[in-house]
Amino acid sequence: MATVELNEASLEKTVIENDIVIIDFWAPWCGPCKSFGPIYEEVSEKHPDIVFAKVNTEDEQGIAAHFQIRSIPTLMIFREQIVLYSEAGMLPASGFEQVIQQVKELDMAKVKADIETAQAEQKS
């Protein structure tokens, strides 16, 4: 599946309407971003069930600020609208595949229960 460019108008809809969304925060001047681009595209072809998106931090500074992106490239992975992974830096294809597999295998009912427990503890 080809990657999609996200902007402020499409970000929320994309995350809400898809089970797993992976976002690559990048900029045209970023050397490591240029090196990671082909890896990102290659891995995206192997997972048609996942939305692979890109956010150009130069054009979409509001999105970058909202997610507190301080270094690029940064990968962020959502599943069921929950951020499960957010990490700056490049991953090799094998490491990227491992992260995707871990995200797919997560028990989301347990993740949601853990979030509810943590939120309840913060209130008390």
PDB file of N, CA and C in Angstrom:
ATOM      1  N   MET A   1       0.846  -1.186   0.000  1.00  0.00           N
ATOM      2  CA  MET A   1       0.000   0.000   0.000  1.00  0.00           C
ATOM      3  C   MET A   1       0.884   1.239   0.000  1.00  0.00           C
ATOM      4  N   ALA A   2       0.571   2.171  -0.829  1.00  0.00           N
ATOM      5  CA  ALA A   2       1.329   3.413  -0.887  1.00  0.00           C
ATOM      6  C   ALA A   2       1.093   4.221   0.380  1.00  0.00           C
ATOM      7  N   THR A   3       2.084   5.022   0.743  1.00  0.00           N
ATOM      8  CA  THR A   3       1.905   5.865   1.918  1.00  0.00           C
ATOM      9  C   THR A   3       1.016   7.057   1.560  1.00  0.00           C
ATOM     10  N   VAL A   4       0.398   7.623   2.588  1.00  0.00           N
ATOM     11  CA  VAL A   4      -0.470   8.782   2.385  1.00  0.00           C
ATOM     12  C   VAL A   4       0.099   9.968   3.158  1.00  0.00           C
ATOM     13  N   GLU A   5      -0.058  11.147   2.596  1.00  0.00           N
ATOM     14  CA  GLU A   5       0.357  12.373   3.283  1.00  0.00           C
ATOM     15  C   GLU A   5      -0.785  12.838   4.175  1.00  0.00           C
ATOM     16  N   LEU A   6      -0.475  13.146   5.421  1.00  0.00           N
ATOM     17  CA  LEU A   6      -1.498  13.642   6.343  1.00  0.00           C
ATOM     18  C   LEU A   6      -1.323  15.140   6.555  1.00  0.00           C
ATOM     19  N   ASN A   7      -2.470  15.793   6.784  1.00  0.00           N
ATOM     20  CA  ASN A   7      -2.470  17.196   7.167  1.00  0.00           C
ATOM     21  C   ASN A   7      -3.485  17.349   8.295  1.00  0.00           C
ATOM     22  N   GLU A   8      -3.665  18.562   8.760  1.00  0.00           N
ATOM     23  CA  GLU A   8      -4.577  18.760   9.900  1.00  0.00           C
ATOM     24  C   GLU A   8      -5.997  18.319   9.580  1.00  0.00           C
ATOM     25  N   ALA A   9      -6.395  18.443   8.328  1.00  0.00           N
ATOM     26  CA  ALA A   9      -7.753  18.057   7.940  1.00  0.00           C
ATOM     27  C   ALA A   9      -7.938  16.541   7.899  1.00  0.00           C
ATOM     28  N   SER A  10      -6.900  15.788   7.570  1.00  0.00           N
ATOM     29  CA  SER A  10      -7.055  14.344   7.379  1.00  0.00           C
ATOM     30  C   SER A  10      -6.552  13.483   8.534  1.00  0.00           C
ATOM     31  N   LEU A  11      -5.769  14.054   9.431  1.00  0.00           N
ATOM     32  CA  LEU A  11      -5.152  13.260  10.494  1.00  0.00           C
ATOM     33  C   LEU A  11      -6.173  12.549  11.380  1.00  0.00           C
ATOM     34  N   GLU A  12      -7.071  13.297  11.977  1.00  0.00           N
ATOM     35  CA  GLU A  12      -8.017  12.711  12.926  1.00  0.00           C
ATOM     36  C   GLU A  12      -8.880  11.645  12.257  1.00  0.00           C
ATOM     37  N   LYS A  13      -9.404  11.941  11.088  1.00  0.00           N
ATOM     38  CA  LYS A  13     -10.246  11.001  10.354  1.00  0.00           C
ATOM     39  C   LYS A  13      -9.483   9.707  10.060  1.00  0.00           C
ATOM     40  N   THR A  14      -8.229   9.823   9.653  1.00  0.00           N
ATOM     41  CA  THR A  14      -7.420   8.655   9.328  1.00  0.00           C
ATOM     42  C   THR A  14      -7.220   7.777  10.559  1.00  0.00           C
ATOM     43  N   VAL A  15      -6.892   8.389  11.695  1.00  0.00           N
ATOM     44  CA  VAL A  15      -6.646   7.631  12.923  1.00  0.00           C
ATOM     45  C   VAL A  15      -7.941   6.984  13.426  1.00  0.00           C
ATOM     46  N   ILE A  16      -9.059   7.686  13.337  1.00  0.00           N
ATOM     47  CA  ILE A  16     -10.337   7.163  13.823  1.00  0.00           C
ATOM     48  C   ILE A  16     -10.849   6.018  12.958  1.00  0.00           C
ATOM     49  N   GLU A  17     -10.687   6.137  11.642  1.00  0.00           N
ATOM     50  CA  GLU A  17     -11.307   5.174  10.727  1.00  0.00           C
ATOM     51  C   GLU A  17     -10.462   3.934  10.438  1.00  0.00           C
ATOM     52  N   ASN A  18      -9.268   3.844  10.990  1.00  0.00           N
ATOM     53  CA  ASN A  18      -8.387   2.713  10.701  1.00  0.00           C
ATOM     54  C   ASN A  18      -7.881   2.092  11.995  1.00  0.00           C
ATOM     55  N   ASP A  19      -7.726   0.776  11.989  1.00  0.00           N
ATOM     56  CA  ASP A  19      -7.287   0.057  13.183  1.00  0.00           C
ATOM     57  C   ASP A  19      -5.853   0.439  13.556  1.00  0.00           C
ATOM     58  N   ILE A  20      -4.920   0.294  12.599  1.00  0.00           N
ATOM     59  CA  ILE A  20      -3.519   0.623  12.859  1.00  0.00           C
ATOM     60  C   ILE A  20      -3.075   1.694  11.862  1.00  0.00           C
ATOM     61  N   VAL A  21      -2.488   2.755  12.401  1.00  0.00           N
ATOM     62  CA  VAL A  21      -1.952   3.843  11.579  1.00  0.00           C
ATOM     63  C   VAL A  21      -0.530   4.123  12.058  1.00  0.00           C
ATOM     64  N   ILE A  22       0.400   4.092  11.112  1.00  0.00           N
ATOM     65  CA  ILE A  22       1.790   4.416  11.423  1.00  0.00           C
ATOM     66  C   ILE A  22       2.120   5.735  10.741  1.00  0.00           C
ATOM     67  N   ILE A  23       2.655   6.664  11.522  1.00  0.00           N
ATOM     68  CA  ILE A  23       2.976   7.981  10.984  1.00  0.00           C
ATOM     69  C   ILE A  23       4.478   8.223  11.072  1.00  0.00           C
ATOM     70  N   ASP A  24       5.043   8.610   9.949  1.00  0.00           N
ATOM     71  CA  ASP A  24       6.443   8.999   9.851  1.00  0.00           C
ATOM     72  C   ASP A  24       6.489  10.523   9.797  1.00  0.00           C
ATOM     73  N   PHE A  25       7.022  11.141  10.855  1.00  0.00           N
ATOM     74  CA  PHE A  25       7.206  12.584  10.878  1.00  0.00           C
ATOM     75  C   PHE A  25       8.583  12.862  10.278  1.00  0.00           C
ATOM     76  N   TRP A  26       8.630  13.704   9.250  1.00  0.00           N
ATOM     77  CA  TRP A  26       9.856  13.911   8.482  1.00  0.00           C
ATOM     78  C   TRP A  26       9.932  15.351   7.986  1.00  0.00           C
ATOM     79  N   ALA A  27      11.043  15.700   7.367  1.00  0.00           N
ATOM     80  CA  ALA A  27      11.202  16.994   6.699  1.00  0.00           C
ATOM     81  C   ALA A  27      12.100  16.793   5.482  1.00  0.00           C
ATOM     82  N   PRO A  28      11.898  17.602   4.446  1.00  0.00           N
ATOM     83  CA  PRO A  28      12.662  17.433   3.208  1.00  0.00           C
ATOM     84  C   PRO A  28      14.179  17.614   3.371  1.00  0.00           C
ATOM     85  N   TRP A  29      14.608  18.421   4.333  1.00  0.00           N
ATOM     86  CA  TRP A  29      16.027  18.696   4.525  1.00  0.00           C
ATOM     87  C   TRP A  29      16.735  17.662   5.394  1.00  0.00           C
ATOM     88  N   CYS A  30      15.994  16.723   5.959  1.00  0.00           N
ATOM     89  CA  CYS A  30      16.516  15.767   6.944  1.00  0.00           C
ATOM     90  C   CYS A  30      17.183  14.564   6.258  1.00  0.00           C
ATOM     91  N   GLY A  31      18.493  14.440   6.420  1.00  0.00           N
ATOM     92  CA  GLY A  31      19.237  13.325   5.818  1.00  0.00           C
ATOM     93  C   GLY A  31      18.757  11.954   6.272  1.00  0.00           C
ATOM     94  N   PRO A  32      18.640  11.711   7.602  1.00  0.00           N
ATOM     95  CA  PRO A  32      18.148  10.409   8.051  1.00  0.00           C
ATOM     96  C   PRO A  32      16.722  10.105   7.554  1.00  0.00           C
ATOM     97  N   CYS A  33      15.912  11.159   7.395  1.00  0.00           N
ATOM     98  CA  CYS A  33      14.553  10.960   6.864  1.00  0.00           C
ATOM     99  C   CYS A  33      14.615  10.425   5.438  1.00  0.00           C
ATOM    100  N   LYS A  34      15.536  10.989   4.659  1.00  0.00           N
ATOM    101  CA  LYS A  34      15.693  10.537   3.272  1.00  0.00           C
ATOM    102  C   LYS A  34      16.170   9.090   3.229  1.00  0.00           C
ATOM    103  N   SER A  35      17.017   8.696   4.159  1.00  0.00           N
ATOM    104  CA  SER A  35      17.496   7.312   4.220  1.00  0.00           C
ATOM    105  C   SER A  35      16.396   6.361   4.666  1.00  0.00           C
ATOM    106  N   PHE A  36      15.535   6.820   5.588  1.00  0.00           N
ATOM    107  CA  PHE A  36      14.474   5.970   6.109  1.00  0.00           C
ATOM    108  C   PHE A  36      13.309   5.838   5.133  1.00  0.00           C
ATOM    109  N   GLY A  37      13.118   6.813   4.260  1.00  0.00           N
ATOM    110  CA  GLY A  37      11.988   6.811   3.319  1.00  0.00           C
ATOM    111  C   GLY A  37      11.823   5.511   2.546  1.00  0.00           C
ATOM    112  N   PRO A  38      12.876   5.000   1.903  1.00  0.00           N
ATOM    113  CA  PRO A  38      12.726   3.742   1.153  1.00  0.00           C
ATOM    114  C   PRO A  38      12.394   2.540   2.049  1.00  0.00           C
ATOM    115  N   ILE A  39      12.920   2.524   3.273  1.00  0.00           N
ATOM    116  CA  ILE A  39      12.606   1.444   4.217  1.00  0.00           C
ATOM    117  C   ILE A  39      11.121   1.506   4.562  1.00  0.00           C
ATOM    118  N   TYR A  40      10.634   2.706   4.844  1.00  0.00           N
ATOM    119  CA  TYR A  40       9.228   2.916   5.194  1.00  0.00           C
ATOM    120  C   TYR A  40       8.321   2.440   4.058  1.00  0.00           C
ATOM    121  N   GLU A  41       8.667   2.826   2.830  1.00  0.00           N
ATOM    122  CA  GLU A  41       7.875   2.417   1.656  1.00  0.00           C
ATOM    123  C   GLU A  41       7.898   0.895   1.484  1.00  0.00           C
ATOM    124  N   GLU A  42       9.069   0.291   1.631  1.00  0.00           N
ATOM    125  CA  GLU A  42       9.218  -1.155   1.459  1.00  0.00           C
ATOM    126  C   GLU A  42       8.366  -1.919   2.479  1.00  0.00           C
ATOM    127  N   VAL A  43       8.443  -1.511   3.730  1.00  0.00           N
ATOM    128  CA  VAL A  43       7.669  -2.180   4.779  1.00  0.00           C
ATOM    129  C   VAL A  43       6.174  -1.957   4.556  1.00  0.00           C
ATOM    130  N   SER A  44       5.790  -0.780   4.073  1.00  0.00           N
ATOM    131  CA  SER A  44       4.365  -0.497   3.845  1.00  0.00           C
ATOM    132  C   SER A  44       3.765  -1.455   2.815  1.00  0.00           C
ATOM    133  N   GLU A  45       4.566  -1.869   1.849  1.00  0.00           N
ATOM    134  CA  GLU A  45       4.081  -2.783   0.805  1.00  0.00           C
ATOM    135  C   GLU A  45       3.727  -4.159   1.377  1.00  0.00           C
ATOM    136  N   LYS A  46       4.332  -4.523   2.487  1.00  0.00           N
ATOM    137  CA  LYS A  46       4.123  -5.843   3.087  1.00  0.00           C
ATOM    138  C   LYS A  46       2.916  -5.890   4.023  1.00  0.00           C
ATOM    139  N   HIS A  47       2.319  -4.743   4.308  1.00  0.00           N
ATOM    140  CA  HIS A  47       1.232  -4.669   5.295  1.00  0.00           C
ATOM    141  C   HIS A  47       0.050  -3.862   4.744  1.00  0.00           C
ATOM    142  N   PRO A  48      -0.705  -4.430   3.816  1.00  0.00           N
ATOM    143  CA  PRO A  48      -1.835  -3.685   3.234  1.00  0.00           C
ATOM    144  C   PRO A  48      -2.956  -3.406   4.243  1.00  0.00           C
ATOM    145  N   ASP A  49      -2.920  -4.079   5.386  1.00  0.00           N
ATOM    146  CA  ASP A  49      -3.942  -3.888   6.420  1.00  0.00           C
ATOM    147  C   ASP A  49      -3.644  -2.689   7.324  1.00  0.00           C
ATOM    148  N   ILE A  50      -2.512  -2.040   7.116  1.00  0.00           N
ATOM    149  CA  ILE A  50      -2.090  -0.916   7.949  1.00  0.00           C
ATOM    150  C   ILE A  50      -2.011   0.342   7.080  1.00  0.00           C
ATOM    151  N   VAL A  51      -2.403   1.478   7.653  1.00  0.00           N
ATOM    152  CA  VAL A  51      -2.229   2.753   6.960  1.00  0.00           C
ATOM    153  C   VAL A  51      -0.853   3.301   7.329  1.00  0.00           C
ATOM    154  N   PHE A  52      -0.031   3.504   6.328  1.00  0.00           N
ATOM    155  CA  PHE A  52       1.289   4.122   6.499  1.00  0.00           C
ATOM    156  C   PHE A  52       1.171   5.555   6.019  1.00  0.00           C
ATOM    157  N   ALA A  53       1.386   6.491   6.930  1.00  0.00           N
ATOM    158  CA  ALA A  53       1.199   7.902   6.610  1.00  0.00           C
ATOM    159  C   ALA A  53       2.480   8.675   6.887  1.00  0.00           C
ATOM    160  N   LYS A  54       2.561   9.846   6.270  1.00  0.00           N
ATOM    161  CA  LYS A  54       3.705  10.719   6.470  1.00  0.00           C
ATOM    162  C   LYS A  54       3.193  12.118   6.808  1.00  0.00           C
ATOM    163  N   VAL A  55       3.918  12.784   7.706  1.00  0.00           N
ATOM    164  CA  VAL A  55       3.628  14.177   8.035  1.00  0.00           C
ATOM    165  C   VAL A  55       4.911  14.975   7.823  1.00  0.00           C
ATOM    166  N   ASN A  56       4.857  15.898   6.880  1.00  0.00           N
ATOM    167  CA  ASN A  56       5.969  16.802   6.635  1.00  0.00           C
ATOM    168  C   ASN A  56       5.920  17.873   7.732  1.00  0.00           C
ATOM    169  N   THR A  57       6.890  17.827   8.643  1.00  0.00           N
ATOM    170  CA  THR A  57       6.863  18.729   9.798  1.00  0.00           C
ATOM    171  C   THR A  57       7.080  20.189   9.420  1.00  0.00           C
ATOM    172  N   GLU A  58       7.625  20.432   8.253  1.00  0.00           N
ATOM    173  CA  GLU A  58       7.786  21.811   7.777  1.00  0.00           C
ATOM    174  C   GLU A  58       6.429  22.386   7.369  1.00  0.00           C
ATOM    175  N   ASP A  59       5.646  21.585   6.658  1.00  0.00           N
ATOM    176  CA  ASP A  59       4.331  22.035   6.185  1.00  0.00           C
ATOM    177  C   ASP A  59       3.257  21.943   7.255  1.00  0.00           C
ATOM    178  N   GLU A  60       3.410  21.012   8.180  1.00  0.00           N
ATOM    179  CA  GLU A  60       2.375  20.746   9.188  1.00  0.00           C
ATOM    180  C   GLU A  60       2.928  20.978  10.600  1.00  0.00           C
ATOM    181  N   GLN A  61       3.343  22.203  10.843  1.00  0.00           N
ATOM    182  CA  GLN A  61       3.958  22.531  12.131  1.00  0.00           C
ATOM    183  C   GLN A  61       2.978  22.385  13.298  1.00  0.00           C
ATOM    184  N   GLY A  62       1.685  22.586  13.029  1.00  0.00           N
ATOM    185  CA  GLY A  62       0.683  22.426  14.081  1.00  0.00           C
ATOM    186  C   GLY A  62       0.591  20.987  14.564  1.00  0.00           C
ATOM    187  N   ILE A  63       0.640  20.041  13.624  1.00  0.00           N
ATOM    188  CA  ILE A  63       0.600  18.616  13.990  1.00  0.00           C
ATOM    189  C   ILE A  63       1.872  18.251  14.755  1.00  0.00           C
ATOM    190  N   ALA A  64       3.020  18.699  14.249  1.00  0.00           N
ATOM    191  CA  ALA A  64       4.287  18.397  14.914  1.00  0.00           C
ATOM    192  C   ALA A  64       4.288  18.950  16.345  1.00  0.00           C
ATOM    193  N   ALA A  65       3.761  20.144  16.531  1.00  0.00           N
ATOM    194  CA  ALA A  65       3.699  20.739  17.868  1.00  0.00           C
ATOM    195  C   ALA A  65       2.738  19.962  18.761  1.00  0.00           C
ATOM    196  N   HIS A  66       1.582  19.581  18.214  1.00  0.00           N
ATOM    197  CA  HIS A  66       0.589  18.831  18.994  1.00  0.00           C
ATOM    198  C   HIS A  66       1.184  17.534  19.552  1.00  0.00           C
ATOM    199  N   PHE A  67       1.958  16.833  18.732  1.00  0.00           N
ATOM    200  CA  PHE A  67       2.551  15.563  19.155  1.00  0.00           C
ATOM    201  C   PHE A  67       3.945  15.735  19.757  1.00  0.00           C
ATOM    202  N   GLN A  68       4.348  16.979  19.970  1.00  0.00           N
ATOM    203  CA  GLN A  68       5.625  17.312  20.598  1.00  0.00           C
ATOM    204  C   GLN A  68       6.806  16.638  19.891  1.00  0.00           C
ATOM    205  N   ILE A  69       6.812  16.735  18.566  1.00  0.00           N
ATOM    206  CA  ILE A  69       7.899  16.173  17.779  1.00  0.00           C
ATOM    207  C   ILE A  69       9.102  17.102  17.909  1.00  0.00           C
ATOM    208  N   ARG A  70      10.178  16.589  18.470  1.00  0.00           N
ATOM    209  CA  ARG A  70      11.385  17.387  18.710  1.00  0.00           C
ATOM    210  C   ARG A  70      12.559  16.934  17.843  1.00  0.00           C
ATOM    211  N   SER A  71      12.446  15.739  17.281  1.00  0.00           N
ATOM    212  CA  SER A  71      13.526  15.183  16.479  1.00  0.00           C
ATOM    213  C   SER A  71      12.901  14.381  15.346  1.00  0.00           C
ATOM    214  N   ILE A  72      13.533  14.418  14.194  1.00  0.00           N
ATOM    215  CA  ILE A  72      13.020  13.651  13.063  1.00  0.00           C
ATOM    216  C   ILE A  72      14.139  12.822  12.463  1.00  0.00           C
ATOM    217  N   PRO A  73      13.800  11.689  11.876  1.00  0.00           N
ATOM    218  CA  PRO A  73      12.441  11.159  11.767  1.00  0.00           C
ATOM    219  C   PRO A  73      11.929  10.653  13.118  1.00  0.00           C
ATOM    220  N   THR A  74      10.628  10.732  13.295  1.00  0.00           N
ATOM    221  CA  THR A  74       9.954  10.138  14.445  1.00  0.00           C
ATOM    222  C   THR A  74       8.843   9.257  13.913  1.00  0.00           C
ATOM    223  N   LEU A  75       8.772   8.045  14.442  1.00  0.00           N
ATOM    224  CA  LEU A  75       7.685   7.118  14.107  1.00  0.00           C
ATOM    225  C   LEU A  75       6.685   7.105  15.242  1.00  0.00           C
ATOM    226  N   MET A  76       5.415   7.159  14.900  1.00  0.00           N
ATOM    227  CA  MET A  76       4.342   7.064  15.886  1.00  0.00           C
ATOM    228  C   MET A  76       3.338   6.046  15.367  1.00  0.00           C
ATOM    229  N   ILE A  77       2.965   5.109  16.237  1.00  0.00           N
ATOM    230  CA  ILE A  77       2.027   4.064  15.828  1.00  0.00           C
ATOM    231  C   ILE A  77       0.784   4.126  16.705  1.00  0.00           C
ATOM    232  N   PHE A  78      -0.370   4.243  16.040  1.00  0.00           N
ATOM    233  CA  PHE A  78      -1.674   4.231  16.703  1.00  0.00           C
ATOM    234  C   PHE A  78      -2.335   2.883  16.441  1.00  0.00           C
ATOM    235  N   ARG A  79      -3.000   2.353  17.446  1.00  0.00           N
ATOM    236  CA  ARG A  79      -3.890   1.217  17.249  1.00  0.00           C
ATOM    237  C   ARG A  79      -5.145   1.522  18.059  1.00  0.00           C
ATOM    238  N   GLU A  80      -6.271   1.441  17.393  1.00  0.00           N
ATOM    239  CA  GLU A  80      -7.560   1.771  18.019  1.00  0.00           C
ATOM    240  C   GLU A  80      -7.492   3.142  18.688  1.00  0.00           C
ATOM    241  N   GLN A  81      -6.856   4.092  18.011  1.00  0.00           N
ATOM    242  CA  GLN A  81      -6.757   5.495  18.415  1.00  0.00           C
ATOM    243  C   GLN A  81      -5.868   5.722  19.639  1.00  0.00           C
ATOM    244  N   ILE A  82      -5.074   4.728  20.007  1.00  0.00           N
ATOM    245  CA  ILE A  82      -4.170   4.838  21.150  1.00  0.00           C
ATOM    246  C   ILE A  82      -2.734   4.826  20.623  1.00  0.00           C
ATOM    247  N   VAL A  83      -1.928   5.779  21.074  1.00  0.00           N
ATOM    248  CA  VAL A  83      -0.515   5.787  20.685  1.00  0.00           C
ATOM    249  C   VAL A  83       0.195   4.679  21.457  1.00  0.00           C
ATOM    250  N   LEU A  84       0.696   3.700  20.716  1.00  0.00           N
ATOM    251  CA  LEU A  84       1.390   2.578  21.337  1.00  0.00           C
ATOM    252  C   LEU A  84       2.904   2.686  21.212  1.00  0.00           C
ATOM    253  N   TYR A  85       3.344   3.502  20.271  1.00  0.00           N
ATOM    254  CA  TYR A  85       4.785   3.601  20.013  1.00  0.00           C
ATOM    255  C   TYR A  85       5.085   5.002  19.508  1.00  0.00           C
ATOM    256  N   SER A  86       6.103   5.610  20.052  1.00  0.00           N
ATOM    257  CA  SER A  86       6.567   6.906  19.569  1.00  0.00           C
ATOM    258  C   SER A  86       8.057   6.979  19.847  1.00  0.00           C
ATOM    259  N   GLU A  87       8.831   7.014  18.782  1.00  0.00           N
ATOM    260  CA  GLU A  87      10.275   6.954  18.938  1.00  0.00           C
ATOM    261  C   GLU A  87      10.946   7.747  17.824  1.00  0.00           C
ATOM    262  N   ALA A  88      11.910   8.576  18.205  1.00  0.00           N
ATOM    263  CA  ALA A  88      12.689   9.310  17.217  1.00  0.00           C
ATOM    264  C   ALA A  88      13.823   8.430  16.714  1.00  0.00           C
ATOM    265  N   GLY A  89      14.208   8.636  15.474  1.00  0.00           N
ATOM    266  CA  GLY A  89      15.326   7.911  14.898  1.00  0.00           C
ATOM    267  C   GLY A  89      14.881   6.908  13.850  1.00  0.00           C
ATOM    268  N   MET A  90      15.863   6.450  13.106  1.00  0.00           N
ATOM    269  CA  MET A  90      15.630   5.484  12.029  1.00  0.00           C
ATOM    270  C   MET A  90      15.618   4.066  12.574  1.00  0.00           C
ATOM    271  N   LEU A  91      14.784   3.237  11.990  1.00  0.00           N
ATOM    272  CA  LEU A  91      14.802   1.809  12.298  1.00  0.00           C
ATOM    273  C   LEU A  91      15.223   1.056  11.040  1.00  0.00           C
ATOM    274  N   PRO A  92      16.010  -0.016  11.190  1.00  0.00           N
ATOM    275  CA  PRO A  92      16.237  -0.875  10.033  1.00  0.00           C
ATOM    276  C   PRO A  92      14.941  -1.615   9.720  1.00  0.00           C
ATOM    277  N   ALA A  93      14.802  -2.136   8.522  1.00  0.00           N
ATOM    278  CA  ALA A  93      13.573  -2.828   8.130  1.00  0.00           C
ATOM    279  C   ALA A  93      13.212  -3.932   9.115  1.00  0.00           C
ATOM    280  N   SER A  94      14.205  -4.710   9.557  1.00  0.00           N
ATOM    281  CA  SER A  94      13.922  -5.827  10.475  1.00  0.00           C
ATOM    282  C   SER A  94      13.386  -5.324  11.812  1.00  0.00           C
ATOM    283  N   GLY A  95      13.957  -4.245  12.333  1.00  0.00           N
ATOM    284  CA  GLY A  95      13.471  -3.680  13.593  1.00  0.00           C
ATOM    285  C   GLY A  95      12.081  -3.098  13.453  1.00  0.00           C
ATOM    286  N   PHE A  96      11.819  -2.463  12.327  1.00  0.00           N
ATOM    287  CA  PHE A  96      10.510  -1.897  12.039  1.00  0.00           C
ATOM    288  C   PHE A  96       9.466  -3.014  11.981  1.00  0.00           C
ATOM    289  N   GLU A  97       9.805  -4.107  11.316  1.00  0.00           N
ATOM    290  CA  GLU A  97       8.894  -5.264  11.224  1.00  0.00           C
ATOM    291  C   GLU A  97       8.599  -5.837  12.612  1.00  0.00           C
ATOM    292  N   GLN A  98       9.599  -5.884  13.476  1.00  0.00           N
ATOM    293  CA  GLN A  98       9.395  -6.401  14.833  1.00  0.00           C
ATOM    294  C   GLN A  98       8.419  -5.523  15.614  1.00  0.00           C
ATOM    295  N   VAL A  99       8.576  -4.220  15.488  1.00  0.00           N
ATOM    296  CA  VAL A  99       7.673  -3.294  16.186  1.00  0.00           C
ATOM    297  C   VAL A  99       6.241  -3.489  15.679  1.00  0.00           C
ATOM    298  N   ILE A 100       6.075  -3.606  14.376  1.00  0.00           N
ATOM    299  CA  ILE A 100       4.741  -3.806  13.798  1.00  0.00           C
ATOM    300  C   ILE A 100       4.129  -5.102  14.315  1.00  0.00           C
ATOM    301  N   GLN A 101       4.914  -6.166  14.360  1.00  0.00           N
ATOM    302  CA  GLN A 101       4.409  -7.455  14.853  1.00  0.00           C
ATOM    303  C   GLN A 101       3.963  -7.339  16.306  1.00  0.00           C
ATOM    304  N   GLN A 102       4.748  -6.650  17.120  1.00  0.00           N
ATOM    305  CA  GLN A 102       4.392  -6.465  18.527  1.00  0.00           C
ATOM    306  C   GLN A 102       3.089  -5.675  18.660  1.00  0.00           C
ATOM    307  N   VAL A 103       2.918  -4.651  17.838  1.00  0.00           N
ATOM    308  CA  VAL A 103       1.691  -3.854  17.873  1.00  0.00           C
ATOM    309  C   VAL A 103       0.493  -4.722  17.487  1.00  0.00           C
ATOM    310  N   LYS A 104       0.652  -5.548  16.459  1.00  0.00           N
ATOM    311  CA  LYS A 104      -0.439  -6.417  16.011  1.00  0.00           C
ATOM    312  C   LYS A 104      -0.814  -7.448  17.069  1.00  0.00           C
ATOM    313  N   GLU A 105       0.162  -7.917  17.837  1.00  0.00           N
ATOM    314  CA  GLU A 105      -0.080  -8.979  18.815  1.00  0.00           C
ATOM    315  C   GLU A 105      -0.586  -8.477  20.163  1.00  0.00           C
ATOM    316  N   LEU A 106      -0.556  -7.179  20.381  1.00  0.00           N
ATOM    317  CA  LEU A 106      -0.991  -6.636  21.666  1.00  0.00           C
ATOM    318  C   LEU A 106      -2.450  -6.964  21.953  1.00  0.00           C
ATOM    319  N   ASP A 107      -2.729  -7.266  23.194  1.00  0.00           N
ATOM    320  CA  ASP A 107      -4.095  -7.477  23.654  1.00  0.00           C
ATOM    321  C   ASP A 107      -4.670  -6.095  23.991  1.00  0.00           C
ATOM    322  N   MET A 108      -5.461  -5.553  23.067  1.00  0.00           N
ATOM    323  CA  MET A 108      -5.951  -4.192  23.239  1.00  0.00           C
ATOM    324  C   MET A 108      -6.940  -4.060  24.399  1.00  0.00           C
ATOM    325  N   ALA A 109      -7.644  -5.122  24.736  1.00  0.00           N
ATOM    326  CA  ALA A 109      -8.537  -5.071  25.903  1.00  0.00           C
ATOM    327  C   ALA A 109      -7.704  -4.826  27.166  1.00  0.00           C
ATOM    328  N   LYS A 110      -6.558  -5.481  27.263  1.00  0.00           N
ATOM    329  CA  LYS A 110      -5.668  -5.283  28.411  1.00  0.00           C
ATOM    330  C   LYS A 110      -5.081  -3.868  28.391  1.00  0.00           C
ATOM    331  N   VAL A 111      -4.682  -3.391  27.217  1.00  0.00           N
ATOM    332  CA  VAL A 111      -4.138  -2.034  27.109  1.00  0.00           C
ATOM    333  C   VAL A 111      -5.168  -1.025  27.601  1.00  0.00           C
ATOM    334  N   LYS A 112      -6.408  -1.169  27.148  1.00  0.00           N
ATOM    335  CA  LYS A 112      -7.468  -0.232  27.556  1.00  0.00           C
ATOM    336  C   LYS A 112      -7.752  -0.335  29.050  1.00  0.00           C
ATOM    337  N   ALA A 113      -7.730  -1.556  29.595  1.00  0.00           N
ATOM    338  CA  ALA A 113      -7.941  -1.737  31.035  1.00  0.00           C
ATOM    339  C   ALA A 113      -6.809  -1.079  31.820  1.00  0.00           C
ATOM    340  N   ASP A 114      -5.577  -1.221  31.350  1.00  0.00           N
ATOM    341  CA  ASP A 114      -4.434  -0.594  32.025  1.00  0.00           C
ATOM    342  C   ASP A 114      -4.549   0.930  31.998  1.00  0.00           C
ATOM    343  N   ILE A 115      -5.013   1.471  30.882  1.00  0.00           N
ATOM    344  CA  ILE A 115      -5.199   2.922  30.772  1.00  0.00           C
ATOM    345  C   ILE A 115      -6.265   3.386  31.756  1.00  0.00           C
ATOM    346  N   GLU A 116      -7.378   2.656  31.824  1.00  0.00           N
ATOM    347  CA  GLU A 116      -8.450   3.014  32.762  1.00  0.00           C
ATOM    348  C   GLU A 116      -7.957   2.977  34.199  1.00  0.00           C
ATOM    349  N   THR A 117      -7.169   1.968  34.541  1.00  0.00           N
ATOM    350  CA  THR A 117      -6.622   1.848  35.887  1.00  0.00           C
ATOM    351  C   THR A 117      -5.703   3.029  36.200  1.00  0.00           C
ATOM    352  N   ALA A 118      -4.831   3.365  35.266  1.00  0.00           N
ATOM    353  CA  ALA A 118      -3.906   4.480  35.469  1.00  0.00           C
ATOM    354  C   ALA A 118      -4.659   5.799  35.618  1.00  0.00           C
ATOM    355  N   GLN A 119      -5.715   5.983  34.817  1.00  0.00           N
ATOM    356  CA  GLN A 119      -6.496   7.212  34.908  1.00  0.00           C
ATOM    357  C   GLN A 119      -7.233   7.291  36.240  1.00  0.00           C
ATOM    358  N   ALA A 120      -7.751   6.159  36.712  1.00  0.00           N
ATOM    359  CA  ALA A 120      -8.448   6.131  38.001  1.00  0.00           C
ATOM    360  C   ALA A 120      -7.483   6.452  39.138  1.00  0.00           C
ATOM    361  N   GLU A 121      -6.266   5.945  39.048  1.00  0.00           N
ATOM    362  CA  GLU A 121      -5.265   6.211  40.088  1.00  0.00           C
ATOM    363  C   GLU A 121      -4.861   7.680  40.111  1.00  0.00           C
ATOM    364  N   GLN A 122      -4.833   8.320  38.939  1.00  0.00           N
ATOM    365  CA  GLN A 122      -4.481   9.737  38.874  1.00  0.00           C
ATOM    366  C   GLN A 122      -5.540  10.607  39.522  1.00  0.00           C
ATOM    367  N   LYS A 123      -6.783  10.169  39.451  1.00  0.00           N
ATOM    368  CA  LYS A 123      -7.890  10.949  40.015  1.00  0.00           C
ATOM    369  C   LYS A 123      -7.923  10.851  41.535  1.00  0.00           C
ATOM    370  N   SER A 124      -7.375   9.766  42.072  1.00  0.00           N
ATOM    371  CA  SER A 124      -7.455   9.597  43.535  1.00  0.00           C
ATOM    372  C   SER A 124      -6.225  10.088  44.252  1.00  0.00           C
TER     373      SER A 124
END
